[in-house]
Amino acid sequence: MKQINKSLVAMAVTMAVAGTASAATIDQFRMGAKTTVYGGERKATLQQADKELKQPSAYLVQLNAQPTSYALSGNQYDRQRAQQLSQNIAEVQQQVASQLQQLDKDAEVLTTTRYLAASIVVKASDKALASLRKNPAVKQILPVYDSKPLVAASQEYIKAAPVVQSGVATGAGIKVAILDTGIDYTHAAL
């Protein structure tokens, strides 16, 4: 049970850290398919955004290898075990990436993970991914979706349509939020 919980937590954090993963669908946030004018520029309708966002931008290939976080047991961190796990992950990642290149010469490895989950993030053809799923080193392949903030989805809800349409509030240069997992990936224990 403890192993399953670690894997689930590791996978959840990996998806969050991957940056472009989206846990919700656009349907959950739909406010109606309206065209919005913002600062004089025509923005995409939610229907157009739906079409763009339904296509995965990449795929997370979770590997059948223990992440280096498994070297942590309670308050004890086994550095030698972490190095062994890291070396094993690198070998499995290389093997899977090599197979992917053989299946699809245009395939691209975007990034790799090893601390919380052993995985690679790739762009590849559907055919190559289907073949890769058969590899015993591959646990699962998950789509990664980009998300786009749309003014149209929120301006009516917060009753800001007149302000947005007048061009008074453009939002230029404003940082709305900085999301952080709180995980220091450079920490000695990782």
N, C-alpha and C. Protein backbone atom coordinates (compact mmCIF):
# COMPACT_ATOMS: atom_id res chain seq x y z
N MET A 1 0.83 -1.20 0.00
CA MET A 1 0.00 0.00 0.00
C MET A 1 0.87 1.25 0.00
N LYS A 2 1.96 1.20 0.79
CA LYS A 2 2.84 2.36 0.87
C LYS A 2 3.47 2.66 -0.49
N GLN A 3 3.87 1.61 -1.23
CA GLN A 3 4.46 1.79 -2.55
C GLN A 3 3.47 2.45 -3.50
N ILE A 4 2.21 2.01 -3.46
CA ILE A 4 1.19 2.58 -4.34
C ILE A 4 1.00 4.05 -4.04
N ASN A 5 0.91 4.40 -2.76
CA ASN A 5 0.73 5.80 -2.39
C ASN A 5 1.89 6.66 -2.86
N LYS A 6 3.12 6.17 -2.70
CA LYS A 6 4.28 6.92 -3.17
C LYS A 6 4.21 7.14 -4.68
N SER A 7 3.82 6.09 -5.40
CA SER A 7 3.73 6.20 -6.86
C SER A 7 2.66 7.20 -7.27
N LEU A 8 1.52 7.14 -6.60
CA LEU A 8 0.44 8.07 -6.94
C LEU A 8 0.84 9.51 -6.66
N VAL A 9 1.46 9.74 -5.51
CA VAL A 9 1.90 11.10 -5.17
C VAL A 9 2.96 11.56 -6.15
N ALA A 10 3.90 10.69 -6.45
CA ALA A 10 4.97 11.04 -7.38
C ALA A 10 4.42 11.39 -8.75
N MET A 11 3.47 10.62 -9.23
CA MET A 11 2.90 10.88 -10.54
C MET A 11 2.12 12.19 -10.55
N ALA A 12 1.37 12.44 -9.48
CA ALA A 12 0.59 13.68 -9.41
C ALA A 12 1.51 14.90 -9.41
N VAL A 13 2.57 14.84 -8.63
CA VAL A 13 3.50 15.97 -8.56
C VAL A 13 4.23 16.12 -9.88
N THR A 14 4.61 15.02 -10.51
CA THR A 14 5.30 15.10 -11.80
C THR A 14 4.43 15.78 -12.84
N MET A 15 3.17 15.43 -12.88
CA MET A 15 2.27 16.06 -13.84
C MET A 15 2.14 17.56 -13.55
N ALA A 16 2.09 17.93 -12.27
CA ALA A 16 1.99 19.35 -11.93
C ALA A 16 3.26 20.08 -12.31
N VAL A 17 4.41 19.46 -12.04
CA VAL A 17 5.69 20.09 -12.30
C VAL A 17 5.99 20.14 -13.79
N ALA A 18 5.44 19.21 -14.55
CA ALA A 18 5.70 19.17 -15.99
C ALA A 18 5.35 20.48 -16.66
N GLY A 19 4.55 21.28 -16.03
CA GLY A 19 4.33 22.64 -16.51
C GLY A 19 3.11 22.83 -17.37
N THR A 20 2.93 21.97 -18.34
CA THR A 20 1.83 22.22 -19.26
C THR A 20 0.68 21.26 -19.06
N ALA A 21 0.76 20.45 -18.07
CA ALA A 21 -0.33 19.50 -17.85
C ALA A 21 -1.58 20.24 -17.38
N SER A 22 -2.70 19.77 -17.81
CA SER A 22 -3.96 20.39 -17.43
C SER A 22 -4.87 19.33 -16.85
N ALA A 23 -5.29 19.52 -15.60
CA ALA A 23 -6.11 18.53 -14.93
C ALA A 23 -7.58 18.64 -15.30
N ALA A 24 -8.01 19.78 -15.75
CA ALA A 24 -9.42 20.00 -16.04
C ALA A 24 -9.64 20.15 -17.54
N THR A 25 -10.86 19.91 -17.95
CA THR A 25 -11.20 20.10 -19.36
C THR A 25 -11.81 21.47 -19.54
N ILE A 26 -11.78 21.96 -20.76
CA ILE A 26 -12.34 23.28 -21.05
C ILE A 26 -13.83 23.31 -20.78
N ASP A 27 -14.50 22.13 -20.91
CA ASP A 27 -15.95 22.07 -20.67
C ASP A 27 -16.30 22.47 -19.23
N GLN A 28 -15.42 22.22 -18.29
CA GLN A 28 -15.69 22.57 -16.90
C GLN A 28 -15.71 24.08 -16.69
N PHE A 29 -15.11 24.82 -17.59
CA PHE A 29 -15.00 26.26 -17.41
C PHE A 29 -15.78 27.05 -18.45
N ARG A 30 -16.55 26.37 -19.27
CA ARG A 30 -17.26 27.02 -20.37
C ARG A 30 -18.26 28.06 -19.84
N MET A 31 -18.20 29.24 -20.40
CA MET A 31 -19.15 30.31 -20.06
C MET A 31 -20.01 30.64 -21.28
N GLY A 32 -19.89 29.88 -22.34
CA GLY A 32 -20.61 30.17 -23.58
C GLY A 32 -19.61 30.50 -24.66
N ALA A 33 -19.92 30.17 -25.88
CA ALA A 33 -19.01 30.42 -26.99
C ALA A 33 -19.22 31.84 -27.49
N LYS A 34 -18.49 32.77 -26.91
CA LYS A 34 -18.64 34.18 -27.27
C LYS A 34 -17.32 34.69 -27.83
N THR A 35 -17.41 35.57 -28.79
CA THR A 35 -16.22 36.23 -29.30
C THR A 35 -16.01 37.49 -28.47
N THR A 36 -14.78 37.71 -28.07
CA THR A 36 -14.47 38.84 -27.22
C THR A 36 -13.49 39.76 -27.92
N VAL A 37 -13.70 41.06 -27.79
CA VAL A 37 -12.74 42.03 -28.28
C VAL A 37 -12.00 42.54 -27.06
N TYR A 38 -10.69 42.44 -27.09
CA TYR A 38 -9.88 42.83 -25.94
C TYR A 38 -8.76 43.71 -26.44
N GLY A 39 -8.74 44.96 -26.02
CA GLY A 39 -7.69 45.87 -26.46
C GLY A 39 -7.69 46.07 -27.96
N GLY A 40 -8.83 45.95 -28.61
CA GLY A 40 -8.91 46.15 -30.05
C GLY A 40 -8.55 44.94 -30.87
N GLU A 41 -8.04 43.88 -30.25
CA GLU A 41 -7.66 42.68 -30.99
C GLU A 41 -8.74 41.62 -30.84
N ARG A 42 -9.03 40.95 -31.94
CA ARG A 42 -10.04 39.89 -31.90
C ARG A 42 -9.40 38.63 -31.30
N LYS A 43 -10.03 38.11 -30.27
CA LYS A 43 -9.54 36.89 -29.63
C LYS A 43 -10.32 35.68 -30.13
N ALA A 44 -9.74 34.52 -29.96
CA ALA A 44 -10.39 33.28 -30.40
C ALA A 44 -11.64 33.01 -29.59
N THR A 45 -12.61 32.38 -30.20
CA THR A 45 -13.80 31.96 -29.46
C THR A 45 -13.44 30.74 -28.63
N LEU A 46 -14.27 30.45 -27.67
CA LEU A 46 -14.02 29.25 -26.87
C LEU A 46 -14.11 28.00 -27.73
N GLN A 47 -14.94 28.04 -28.76
CA GLN A 47 -15.02 26.88 -29.64
C GLN A 47 -13.70 26.66 -30.37
N GLN A 48 -13.06 27.74 -30.80
CA GLN A 48 -11.76 27.61 -31.46
C GLN A 48 -10.73 27.11 -30.46
N ALA A 49 -10.79 27.64 -29.25
CA ALA A 49 -9.84 27.22 -28.22
C ALA A 49 -10.04 25.74 -27.89
N ASP A 50 -11.30 25.30 -27.84
CA ASP A 50 -11.59 23.88 -27.61
C ASP A 50 -10.83 23.01 -28.60
N LYS A 51 -10.92 23.38 -29.86
CA LYS A 51 -10.30 22.61 -30.93
C LYS A 51 -8.78 22.53 -30.73
N GLU A 52 -8.17 23.66 -30.39
CA GLU A 52 -6.72 23.71 -30.19
C GLU A 52 -6.31 22.90 -28.97
N LEU A 53 -7.08 23.00 -27.88
CA LEU A 53 -6.69 22.39 -26.62
C LEU A 53 -6.98 20.90 -26.55
N LYS A 54 -7.77 20.37 -27.46
CA LYS A 54 -8.08 18.94 -27.44
C LYS A 54 -6.93 18.10 -27.96
N GLN A 55 -5.98 18.70 -28.63
CA GLN A 55 -4.83 17.98 -29.14
C GLN A 55 -3.70 18.03 -28.11
N PRO A 56 -3.18 16.89 -27.69
CA PRO A 56 -2.06 16.92 -26.74
C PRO A 56 -0.84 17.62 -27.35
N SER A 57 -0.14 18.38 -26.54
CA SER A 57 1.07 19.04 -27.01
C SER A 57 2.28 18.12 -26.87
N ALA A 58 2.16 17.11 -26.01
CA ALA A 58 3.23 16.15 -25.77
C ALA A 58 2.63 14.96 -25.03
N TYR A 59 3.49 14.00 -24.71
CA TYR A 59 3.06 12.81 -23.96
C TYR A 59 4.07 12.52 -22.87
N LEU A 60 3.57 12.19 -21.68
CA LEU A 60 4.42 11.79 -20.57
C LEU A 60 4.46 10.27 -20.58
N VAL A 61 5.65 9.72 -20.78
CA VAL A 61 5.84 8.27 -20.80
C VAL A 61 6.38 7.87 -19.43
N GLN A 62 5.49 7.30 -18.60
CA GLN A 62 5.90 6.86 -17.27
C GLN A 62 6.58 5.50 -17.42
N LEU A 63 7.74 5.36 -16.81
CA LEU A 63 8.54 4.15 -16.97
C LEU A 63 8.36 3.20 -15.79
N ASN A 64 8.59 1.93 -16.03
CA ASN A 64 8.57 0.92 -14.97
C ASN A 64 9.93 0.92 -14.27
N ALA A 65 10.22 1.98 -13.59
CA ALA A 65 11.46 2.11 -12.83
C ALA A 65 11.16 2.95 -11.60
N GLN A 66 11.76 2.59 -10.48
CA GLN A 66 11.52 3.34 -9.26
C GLN A 66 12.24 4.68 -9.32
N PRO A 67 11.55 5.77 -8.96
CA PRO A 67 12.19 7.09 -8.93
C PRO A 67 13.18 7.18 -7.76
N THR A 68 14.04 8.16 -7.81
CA THR A 68 15.05 8.31 -6.76
C THR A 68 14.43 8.64 -5.40
N SER A 69 13.20 9.12 -5.38
CA SER A 69 12.55 9.40 -4.10
C SER A 69 12.35 8.12 -3.28
N TYR A 70 12.44 6.96 -3.91
CA TYR A 70 12.32 5.70 -3.18
C TYR A 70 13.54 5.42 -2.31
N ALA A 71 14.58 6.22 -2.44
CA ALA A 71 15.75 6.09 -1.58
C ALA A 71 15.50 6.74 -0.22
N LEU A 72 14.38 7.41 -0.09
CA LEU A 72 14.00 8.05 1.16
C LEU A 72 13.06 7.12 1.91
N SER A 73 13.44 6.75 3.11
CA SER A 73 12.62 5.88 3.94
C SER A 73 12.46 6.55 5.30
N GLY A 74 11.26 7.07 5.55
CA GLY A 74 11.06 7.82 6.78
C GLY A 74 11.89 9.08 6.72
N ASN A 75 12.78 9.24 7.70
CA ASN A 75 13.68 10.40 7.72
C ASN A 75 15.07 10.06 7.21
N GLN A 76 15.27 8.84 6.75
CA GLN A 76 16.58 8.39 6.30
C GLN A 76 16.66 8.42 4.78
N TYR A 77 17.73 8.99 4.28
CA TYR A 77 17.96 9.06 2.84
C TYR A 77 19.21 8.26 2.50
N ASP A 78 19.07 7.26 1.67
CA ASP A 78 20.17 6.39 1.27
C ASP A 78 20.74 6.91 -0.06
N ARG A 79 21.83 7.67 0.05
CA ARG A 79 22.43 8.30 -1.12
C ARG A 79 22.91 7.26 -2.15
N GLN A 80 23.47 6.15 -1.67
CA GLN A 80 23.95 5.12 -2.59
C GLN A 80 22.78 4.51 -3.36
N ARG A 81 21.68 4.25 -2.67
CA ARG A 81 20.48 3.70 -3.35
C ARG A 81 19.96 4.71 -4.36
N ALA A 82 19.98 5.99 -4.00
CA ALA A 82 19.50 7.03 -4.92
C ALA A 82 20.35 7.06 -6.18
N GLN A 83 21.66 6.90 -6.03
CA GLN A 83 22.54 6.88 -7.19
C GLN A 83 22.27 5.66 -8.07
N GLN A 84 22.02 4.51 -7.43
CA GLN A 84 21.69 3.30 -8.19
C GLN A 84 20.38 3.48 -8.95
N LEU A 85 19.38 4.04 -8.25
CA LEU A 85 18.08 4.28 -8.89
C LEU A 85 18.23 5.25 -10.06
N SER A 86 19.01 6.31 -9.84
CA SER A 86 19.22 7.32 -10.87
C SER A 86 19.90 6.71 -12.10
N GLN A 87 20.89 5.86 -11.87
CA GLN A 87 21.59 5.20 -12.97
C GLN A 87 20.63 4.27 -13.73
N ASN A 88 19.82 3.53 -12.99
CA ASN A 88 18.85 2.63 -13.61
C ASN A 88 17.84 3.42 -14.45
N ILE A 89 17.36 4.52 -13.90
CA ILE A 89 16.39 5.36 -14.62
C ILE A 89 17.01 5.88 -15.92
N ALA A 90 18.25 6.36 -15.84
CA ALA A 90 18.93 6.89 -17.03
C ALA A 90 19.04 5.81 -18.11
N GLU A 91 19.34 4.58 -17.70
CA GLU A 91 19.46 3.48 -18.66
C GLU A 91 18.10 3.17 -19.31
N VAL A 92 17.05 3.12 -18.49
CA VAL A 92 15.71 2.83 -19.02
C VAL A 92 15.25 3.97 -19.93
N GLN A 93 15.51 5.22 -19.51
CA GLN A 93 15.14 6.37 -20.34
C GLN A 93 15.85 6.30 -21.69
N GLN A 94 17.13 5.97 -21.68
CA GLN A 94 17.90 5.88 -22.92
C GLN A 94 17.35 4.77 -23.82
N GLN A 95 17.03 3.62 -23.21
CA GLN A 95 16.51 2.49 -23.98
C GLN A 95 15.17 2.85 -24.63
N VAL A 96 14.28 3.47 -23.87
CA VAL A 96 12.96 3.84 -24.39
C VAL A 96 13.09 4.95 -25.44
N ALA A 97 13.95 5.93 -25.19
CA ALA A 97 14.16 7.01 -26.16
C ALA A 97 14.74 6.46 -27.47
N SER A 98 15.65 5.50 -27.37
CA SER A 98 16.23 4.89 -28.57
C SER A 98 15.16 4.14 -29.36
N GLN A 99 14.32 3.39 -28.65
CA GLN A 99 13.24 2.68 -29.35
C GLN A 99 12.30 3.67 -30.03
N LEU A 100 11.99 4.76 -29.33
CA LEU A 100 11.10 5.77 -29.90
C LEU A 100 11.69 6.36 -31.18
N GLN A 101 13.00 6.63 -31.18
CA GLN A 101 13.66 7.16 -32.38
C GLN A 101 13.60 6.17 -33.54
N GLN A 102 13.68 4.88 -33.23
CA GLN A 102 13.57 3.86 -34.28
C GLN A 102 12.15 3.80 -34.84
N LEU A 103 11.17 4.02 -33.97
CA LEU A 103 9.77 3.97 -34.39
C LEU A 103 9.35 5.23 -35.16
N ASP A 104 9.95 6.36 -34.79
CA ASP A 104 9.57 7.65 -35.40
C ASP A 104 10.81 8.54 -35.44
N LYS A 105 11.39 8.69 -36.62
CA LYS A 105 12.63 9.48 -36.73
C LYS A 105 12.43 10.94 -36.36
N ASP A 106 11.19 11.42 -36.41
CA ASP A 106 10.89 12.81 -36.04
C ASP A 106 10.52 12.97 -34.57
N ALA A 107 10.51 11.88 -33.82
CA ALA A 107 10.17 11.94 -32.40
C ALA A 107 11.18 12.80 -31.65
N GLU A 108 10.70 13.43 -30.60
CA GLU A 108 11.53 14.36 -29.85
C GLU A 108 11.34 14.13 -28.35
N VAL A 109 12.43 14.01 -27.61
CA VAL A 109 12.37 13.92 -26.15
C VAL A 109 12.49 15.35 -25.63
N LEU A 110 11.44 15.83 -24.97
CA LEU A 110 11.42 17.21 -24.48
C LEU A 110 12.10 17.36 -23.13
N THR A 111 11.89 16.39 -22.25
CA THR A 111 12.51 16.45 -20.93
C THR A 111 12.42 15.07 -20.30
N THR A 112 13.15 14.89 -19.22
CA THR A 112 13.11 13.64 -18.46
C THR A 112 12.91 13.96 -16.99
N THR A 113 12.36 13.01 -16.25
CA THR A 113 12.22 13.18 -14.80
C THR A 113 12.74 11.92 -14.12
N ARG A 114 13.23 12.08 -12.90
CA ARG A 114 13.73 10.91 -12.16
C ARG A 114 13.49 11.02 -10.66
N TYR A 115 13.23 12.19 -10.14
CA TYR A 115 13.12 12.36 -8.70
C TYR A 115 11.81 11.83 -8.13
N LEU A 116 10.70 12.25 -8.65
CA LEU A 116 9.40 11.84 -8.12
C LEU A 116 8.74 10.76 -8.96
N ALA A 117 9.07 10.70 -10.22
CA ALA A 117 8.59 9.65 -11.12
C ALA A 117 9.62 9.50 -12.23
N ALA A 118 9.83 8.27 -12.63
CA ALA A 118 10.74 8.01 -13.74
C ALA A 118 9.93 8.14 -15.02
N SER A 119 10.26 9.14 -15.82
CA SER A 119 9.49 9.36 -17.04
C SER A 119 10.29 10.16 -18.06
N ILE A 120 9.75 10.18 -19.27
CA ILE A 120 10.24 11.08 -20.31
C ILE A 120 9.02 11.76 -20.92
N VAL A 121 9.20 13.00 -21.32
CA VAL A 121 8.13 13.74 -21.98
C VAL A 121 8.54 13.86 -23.44
N VAL A 122 7.64 13.41 -24.33
CA VAL A 122 8.00 13.30 -25.74
C VAL A 122 6.93 13.88 -26.65
N LYS A 123 7.36 14.19 -27.86
CA LYS A 123 6.47 14.46 -28.99
C LYS A 123 6.74 13.34 -29.98
N ALA A 124 5.69 12.65 -30.39
CA ALA A 124 5.86 11.53 -31.31
C ALA A 124 4.54 11.23 -32.00
N SER A 125 4.62 10.45 -33.05
CA SER A 125 3.42 10.06 -33.80
C SER A 125 2.58 9.08 -32.98
N ASP A 126 1.29 9.04 -33.29
CA ASP A 126 0.39 8.12 -32.61
C ASP A 126 0.82 6.67 -32.82
N LYS A 127 1.28 6.38 -34.02
CA LYS A 127 1.72 5.02 -34.34
C LYS A 127 2.92 4.61 -33.48
N ALA A 128 3.89 5.52 -33.33
CA ALA A 128 5.07 5.23 -32.52
C ALA A 128 4.68 5.05 -31.05
N LEU A 129 3.78 5.89 -30.56
CA LEU A 129 3.34 5.78 -29.16
C LEU A 129 2.60 4.47 -28.92
N ALA A 130 1.79 4.05 -29.88
CA ALA A 130 1.06 2.78 -29.75
C ALA A 130 2.05 1.61 -29.66
N SER A 131 3.10 1.64 -30.46
CA SER A 131 4.12 0.59 -30.40
C SER A 131 4.91 0.67 -29.10
N LEU A 132 5.19 1.88 -28.65
CA LEU A 132 5.97 2.08 -27.43
C LEU A 132 5.22 1.54 -26.20
N ARG A 133 3.90 1.60 -26.23
CA ARG A 133 3.08 1.09 -25.11
C ARG A 133 3.34 -0.40 -24.85
N LYS A 134 3.77 -1.12 -25.86
CA LYS A 134 4.02 -2.56 -25.73
C LYS A 134 5.35 -2.86 -25.04
N ASN A 135 6.20 -1.87 -24.90
CA ASN A 135 7.50 -2.05 -24.26
C ASN A 135 7.29 -2.31 -22.77
N PRO A 136 7.84 -3.39 -22.22
CA PRO A 136 7.65 -3.67 -20.79
C PRO A 136 8.27 -2.61 -19.87
N ALA A 137 9.16 -1.79 -20.39
CA ALA A 137 9.75 -0.72 -19.58
C ALA A 137 8.81 0.48 -19.45
N VAL A 138 7.72 0.48 -20.23
CA VAL A 138 6.75 1.58 -20.21
C VAL A 138 5.55 1.18 -19.37
N LYS A 139 5.30 1.97 -18.32
CA LYS A 139 4.16 1.70 -17.44
C LYS A 139 2.87 2.23 -18.05
N GLN A 140 2.91 3.49 -18.49
CA GLN A 140 1.76 4.10 -19.15
C GLN A 140 2.21 5.34 -19.91
N ILE A 141 1.36 5.77 -20.84
CA ILE A 141 1.63 6.98 -21.62
C ILE A 141 0.43 7.89 -21.45
N LEU A 142 0.69 9.11 -20.96
CA LEU A 142 -0.37 10.07 -20.67
C LEU A 142 -0.24 11.31 -21.55
N PRO A 143 -1.34 11.82 -22.06
CA PRO A 143 -1.27 13.05 -22.86
C PRO A 143 -1.03 14.26 -21.97
N VAL A 144 -0.31 15.22 -22.50
CA VAL A 144 -0.07 16.50 -21.82
C VAL A 144 -0.72 17.58 -22.67
N TYR A 145 -1.62 18.33 -22.07
CA TYR A 145 -2.36 19.36 -22.80
C TYR A 145 -1.88 20.75 -22.41
N ASP A 146 -1.75 21.61 -23.39
CA ASP A 146 -1.48 23.02 -23.11
C ASP A 146 -2.80 23.67 -22.72
N SER A 147 -2.70 24.71 -21.95
CA SER A 147 -3.90 25.48 -21.63
C SER A 147 -3.64 26.93 -21.97
N LYS A 148 -4.68 27.62 -22.37
CA LYS A 148 -4.57 29.03 -22.72
C LYS A 148 -5.55 29.82 -21.86
N PRO A 149 -5.07 30.89 -21.27
CA PRO A 149 -6.02 31.74 -20.55
C PRO A 149 -6.86 32.52 -21.56
N LEU A 150 -8.14 32.55 -21.36
CA LEU A 150 -9.02 33.27 -22.26
C LEU A 150 -9.83 34.30 -21.47
N VAL A 151 -9.75 35.54 -21.88
CA VAL A 151 -10.52 36.59 -21.24
C VAL A 151 -12.01 36.30 -21.38
N ALA A 152 -12.40 35.74 -22.52
CA ALA A 152 -13.82 35.48 -22.76
C ALA A 152 -14.42 34.58 -21.70
N ALA A 153 -13.64 33.71 -21.14
CA ALA A 153 -14.15 32.76 -20.16
C ALA A 153 -14.43 33.41 -18.81
N SER A 154 -13.83 34.54 -18.54
CA SER A 154 -14.00 35.13 -17.21
C SER A 154 -14.62 36.51 -17.18
N GLN A 155 -14.54 37.26 -18.25
CA GLN A 155 -14.98 38.66 -18.18
C GLN A 155 -16.46 38.80 -17.86
N GLU A 156 -17.30 37.93 -18.43
CA GLU A 156 -18.73 38.00 -18.13
C GLU A 156 -18.98 37.59 -16.68
N TYR A 157 -18.30 36.56 -16.26
CA TYR A 157 -18.48 36.01 -14.92
C TYR A 157 -18.17 37.04 -13.83
N ILE A 158 -17.10 37.81 -14.03
CA ILE A 158 -16.72 38.81 -13.01
C ILE A 158 -17.25 40.20 -13.34
N LYS A 159 -18.14 40.27 -14.33
CA LYS A 159 -18.79 41.52 -14.73
C LYS A 159 -17.78 42.60 -15.13
N ALA A 160 -16.76 42.17 -15.89
CA ALA A 160 -15.72 43.10 -16.31
C ALA A 160 -15.77 43.40 -17.80
N ALA A 161 -16.81 42.97 -18.50
CA ALA A 161 -16.88 43.17 -19.95
C ALA A 161 -16.73 44.64 -20.35
N PRO A 162 -17.41 45.60 -19.70
CA PRO A 162 -17.24 47.00 -20.11
C PRO A 162 -15.80 47.50 -19.97
N VAL A 163 -15.13 47.10 -18.91
CA VAL A 163 -13.75 47.54 -18.68
C VAL A 163 -12.82 46.93 -19.73
N VAL A 164 -13.02 45.66 -20.02
CA VAL A 164 -12.18 44.98 -21.00
C VAL A 164 -12.41 45.56 -22.38
N GLN A 165 -13.67 45.76 -22.76
CA GLN A 165 -13.99 46.25 -24.10
C GLN A 165 -13.56 47.70 -24.30
N SER A 166 -13.51 48.49 -23.23
CA SER A 166 -13.08 49.88 -23.37
C SER A 166 -11.58 50.01 -23.56
N GLY A 167 -10.84 48.94 -23.25
CA GLY A 167 -9.39 48.99 -23.39
C GLY A 167 -8.69 49.62 -22.20
N VAL A 168 -9.44 49.98 -21.17
CA VAL A 168 -8.85 50.60 -19.98
C VAL A 168 -7.93 49.63 -19.27
N ALA A 169 -8.38 48.40 -19.12
CA ALA A 169 -7.59 47.39 -18.43
C ALA A 169 -7.07 46.39 -19.45
N THR A 170 -5.80 46.49 -19.78
CA THR A 170 -5.22 45.56 -20.75
C THR A 170 -4.51 44.41 -20.07
N GLY A 171 -4.08 44.61 -18.84
CA GLY A 171 -3.35 43.57 -18.13
C GLY A 171 -1.89 43.50 -18.53
N ALA A 172 -1.45 44.38 -19.41
CA ALA A 172 -0.06 44.37 -19.87
C ALA A 172 0.88 44.60 -18.69
N GLY A 173 1.88 43.75 -18.59
CA GLY A 173 2.90 43.89 -17.56
C GLY A 173 2.49 43.42 -16.18
N ILE A 174 1.31 42.85 -16.05
CA ILE A 174 0.82 42.41 -14.75
C ILE A 174 1.05 40.91 -14.60
N LYS A 175 1.62 40.51 -13.47
CA LYS A 175 1.76 39.09 -13.15
C LYS A 175 0.58 38.72 -12.26
N VAL A 176 -0.21 37.78 -12.72
CA VAL A 176 -1.40 37.39 -11.98
C VAL A 176 -1.04 36.42 -10.87
N ALA A 177 -0.23 35.42 -11.16
CA ALA A 177 0.12 34.43 -10.15
C ALA A 177 1.40 33.72 -10.56
N ILE A 178 2.13 33.30 -9.56
CA ILE A 178 3.28 32.44 -9.78
C ILE A 178 2.99 31.17 -9.00
N LEU A 179 2.82 30.07 -9.72
CA LEU A 179 2.49 28.81 -9.09
C LEU A 179 3.77 28.05 -8.78
N ASP A 180 3.84 27.49 -7.59
CA ASP A 180 5.04 26.81 -7.15
C ASP A 180 4.65 25.58 -6.35
N THR A 181 5.30 24.46 -6.63
CA THR A 181 5.01 23.24 -5.89
C THR A 181 5.63 23.27 -4.51
N GLY A 182 6.64 24.12 -4.31
CA GLY A 182 7.33 24.15 -3.04
C GLY A 182 8.44 23.12 -2.96
N ILE A 183 8.60 22.33 -4.01
CA ILE A 183 9.63 21.29 -4.02
C ILE A 183 10.92 21.90 -4.55
N ASP A 184 11.98 21.78 -3.77
CA ASP A 184 13.30 22.25 -4.19
C ASP A 184 14.00 21.08 -4.89
N TYR A 185 13.98 21.07 -6.22
CA TYR A 185 14.54 19.95 -6.95
C TYR A 185 16.05 19.85 -6.80
N THR A 186 16.70 20.87 -6.24
CA THR A 186 18.14 20.82 -6.04
C THR A 186 18.50 20.36 -4.63
N HIS A 187 17.50 20.04 -3.82
CA HIS A 187 17.73 19.62 -2.43
C HIS A 187 18.60 18.35 -2.41
N ALA A 188 19.49 18.27 -1.45
CA ALA A 188 20.42 17.14 -1.36
C ALA A 188 19.71 15.80 -1.23
N ALA A 189 18.53 15.79 -0.64
CA ALA A 189 17.79 14.54 -0.45
C ALA A 189 17.16 14.04 -1.74
N LEU A 190 17.12 14.88 -2.75
CA LEU A 190 16.55 14.44 -4.02
C LEU A 190 17.66 14.13 -4.98
